[in-house]
Amino acid sequence: MSTANRTEQDVLQDLSDEERALLKRVLEIERARLHVRAADLTDDLVGAVKEILP
């Protein structure tokens, strides 16, 4: 599969358990850092992750 054709789901499926745990922790820290607990920022956080993933 070409890197250019990879979807978000492809990237997530290719992560190891350790990488998924790290990603989850990073997202938890980012959500806490934003001090927005009541808002659902999932789409914003996924967008930010997409920017840093190859």
N, C-alpha and C. Protein backbone atom coordinates (compact mmCIF):
# COMPACT_ATOMS: atom_id res chain seq x y z
N MET A 1 0.85 -1.18 0.00
CA MET A 1 0.00 0.00 0.00
C MET A 1 0.89 1.24 0.00
N SER A 2 0.60 2.15 -0.86
CA SER A 2 1.36 3.39 -0.96
C SER A 2 1.07 4.29 0.24
N THR A 3 2.09 5.01 0.70
CA THR A 3 1.92 5.92 1.83
C THR A 3 0.88 6.98 1.51
N ALA A 4 0.85 7.44 0.27
CA ALA A 4 -0.09 8.50 -0.12
C ALA A 4 -1.54 8.03 -0.06
N ASN A 5 -1.76 6.74 -0.19
CA ASN A 5 -3.12 6.21 -0.20
C ASN A 5 -3.58 5.68 1.15
N ARG A 6 -2.75 5.81 2.16
CA ARG A 6 -3.11 5.30 3.49
C ARG A 6 -4.17 6.18 4.13
N THR A 7 -5.13 5.53 4.74
CA THR A 7 -6.17 6.27 5.45
C THR A 7 -5.80 6.34 6.93
N GLU A 8 -6.54 7.14 7.65
CA GLU A 8 -6.34 7.24 9.10
C GLU A 8 -6.51 5.86 9.73
N GLN A 9 -7.50 5.13 9.29
CA GLN A 9 -7.76 3.79 9.83
C GLN A 9 -6.57 2.87 9.56
N ASP A 10 -5.98 2.97 8.36
CA ASP A 10 -4.81 2.14 8.04
C ASP A 10 -3.67 2.43 9.01
N VAL A 11 -3.44 3.70 9.27
CA VAL A 11 -2.35 4.09 10.17
C VAL A 11 -2.61 3.56 11.57
N LEU A 12 -3.83 3.73 12.05
CA LEU A 12 -4.16 3.27 13.39
C LEU A 12 -4.05 1.76 13.52
N GLN A 13 -4.46 1.04 12.49
CA GLN A 13 -4.38 -0.42 12.53
C GLN A 13 -2.93 -0.91 12.53
N ASP A 14 -2.04 -0.14 11.93
CA ASP A 14 -0.64 -0.53 11.85
C ASP A 14 0.14 -0.22 13.13
N LEU A 15 -0.47 0.50 14.06
CA LEU A 15 0.21 0.83 15.30
C LEU A 15 0.28 -0.40 16.21
N SER A 16 1.39 -0.52 16.91
CA SER A 16 1.51 -1.59 17.91
C SER A 16 0.68 -1.20 19.13
N ASP A 17 0.50 -2.14 20.03
CA ASP A 17 -0.23 -1.85 21.26
C ASP A 17 0.45 -0.73 22.05
N GLU A 18 1.77 -0.75 22.08
CA GLU A 18 2.52 0.29 22.79
C GLU A 18 2.32 1.65 22.13
N GLU A 19 2.33 1.67 20.81
CA GLU A 19 2.13 2.93 20.08
C GLU A 19 0.72 3.47 20.29
N ARG A 20 -0.27 2.59 20.31
CA ARG A 20 -1.65 3.02 20.58
C ARG A 20 -1.78 3.59 21.98
N ALA A 21 -1.14 2.95 22.95
CA ALA A 21 -1.19 3.43 24.33
C ALA A 21 -0.54 4.81 24.42
N LEU A 22 0.57 4.99 23.73
CA LEU A 22 1.24 6.30 23.73
C LEU A 22 0.37 7.35 23.07
N LEU A 23 -0.22 7.03 21.94
CA LEU A 23 -1.11 7.98 21.26
C LEU A 23 -2.28 8.35 22.16
N LYS A 24 -2.88 7.37 22.81
CA LYS A 24 -3.99 7.64 23.72
C LYS A 24 -3.56 8.58 24.84
N ARG A 25 -2.39 8.32 25.40
CA ARG A 25 -1.89 9.18 26.49
C ARG A 25 -1.62 10.60 26.01
N VAL A 26 -1.04 10.72 24.83
CA VAL A 26 -0.78 12.06 24.26
C VAL A 26 -2.09 12.81 24.09
N LEU A 27 -3.10 12.14 23.59
CA LEU A 27 -4.39 12.80 23.40
C LEU A 27 -5.03 13.18 24.74
N GLU A 28 -4.88 12.33 25.74
CA GLU A 28 -5.40 12.67 27.07
C GLU A 28 -4.70 13.90 27.63
N ILE A 29 -3.38 13.95 27.47
CA ILE A 29 -2.61 15.10 27.96
C ILE A 29 -3.02 16.36 27.21
N GLU A 30 -3.18 16.26 25.92
CA GLU A 30 -3.56 17.43 25.12
C GLU A 30 -4.94 17.93 25.53
N ARG A 31 -5.87 17.03 25.73
CA ARG A 31 -7.22 17.43 26.15
C ARG A 31 -7.15 18.13 27.51
N ALA A 32 -6.37 17.59 28.44
CA ALA A 32 -6.23 18.21 29.76
C ALA A 32 -5.56 19.57 29.63
N ARG A 33 -4.58 19.65 28.76
CA ARG A 33 -3.85 20.91 28.57
C ARG A 33 -4.78 22.00 28.06
N LEU A 34 -5.72 21.63 27.26
CA LEU A 34 -6.66 22.60 26.71
C LEU A 34 -7.71 23.05 27.73
N HIS A 35 -7.76 22.36 28.85
CA HIS A 35 -8.70 22.71 29.93
C HIS A 35 -10.14 22.74 29.45
N VAL A 36 -10.46 21.83 28.56
CA VAL A 36 -11.83 21.75 28.06
C VAL A 36 -12.30 20.33 28.27
N ARG A 37 -12.92 20.10 29.40
CA ARG A 37 -13.35 18.74 29.71
C ARG A 37 -14.76 18.47 29.18
N ALA A 38 -15.60 19.45 29.12
CA ALA A 38 -16.99 19.23 28.74
C ALA A 38 -17.15 19.11 27.23
N ALA A 39 -16.28 19.72 26.48
CA ALA A 39 -16.41 19.72 25.01
C ALA A 39 -15.85 18.42 24.44
N ASP A 40 -16.47 17.95 23.37
CA ASP A 40 -15.95 16.78 22.67
C ASP A 40 -15.01 17.28 21.58
N LEU A 41 -13.74 17.14 21.83
CA LEU A 41 -12.73 17.65 20.90
C LEU A 41 -12.14 16.56 20.03
N THR A 42 -12.83 15.44 19.92
CA THR A 42 -12.28 14.30 19.19
C THR A 42 -11.88 14.69 17.77
N ASP A 43 -12.74 15.36 17.04
CA ASP A 43 -12.43 15.73 15.66
C ASP A 43 -11.22 16.65 15.58
N ASP A 44 -11.13 17.60 16.50
CA ASP A 44 -9.98 18.52 16.52
C ASP A 44 -8.70 17.76 16.82
N LEU A 45 -8.76 16.85 17.78
CA LEU A 45 -7.56 16.11 18.15
C LEU A 45 -7.15 15.14 17.03
N VAL A 46 -8.11 14.51 16.39
CA VAL A 46 -7.80 13.62 15.28
C VAL A 46 -7.16 14.42 14.15
N GLY A 47 -7.67 15.61 13.90
CA GLY A 47 -7.09 16.48 12.88
C GLY A 47 -5.65 16.83 13.19
N ALA A 48 -5.38 17.11 14.46
CA ALA A 48 -4.01 17.45 14.87
C ALA A 48 -3.09 16.25 14.70
N VAL A 49 -3.58 15.08 15.05
CA VAL A 49 -2.78 13.86 14.89
C VAL A 49 -2.50 13.60 13.41
N LYS A 50 -3.50 13.80 12.56
CA LYS A 50 -3.31 13.60 11.14
C LYS A 50 -2.20 14.48 10.58
N GLU A 51 -2.06 15.67 11.14
CA GLU A 51 -1.02 16.58 10.66
C GLU A 51 0.38 16.08 10.98
N ILE A 52 0.52 15.29 12.07
CA ILE A 52 1.86 14.84 12.44
C ILE A 52 2.18 13.42 11.97
N LEU A 53 1.15 12.66 11.58
CA LEU A 53 1.39 11.30 11.10
C LEU A 53 1.86 11.35 9.66
N PRO A 54 2.74 10.43 9.28
CA PRO A 54 3.22 10.41 7.90
C PRO A 54 2.13 10.00 6.93
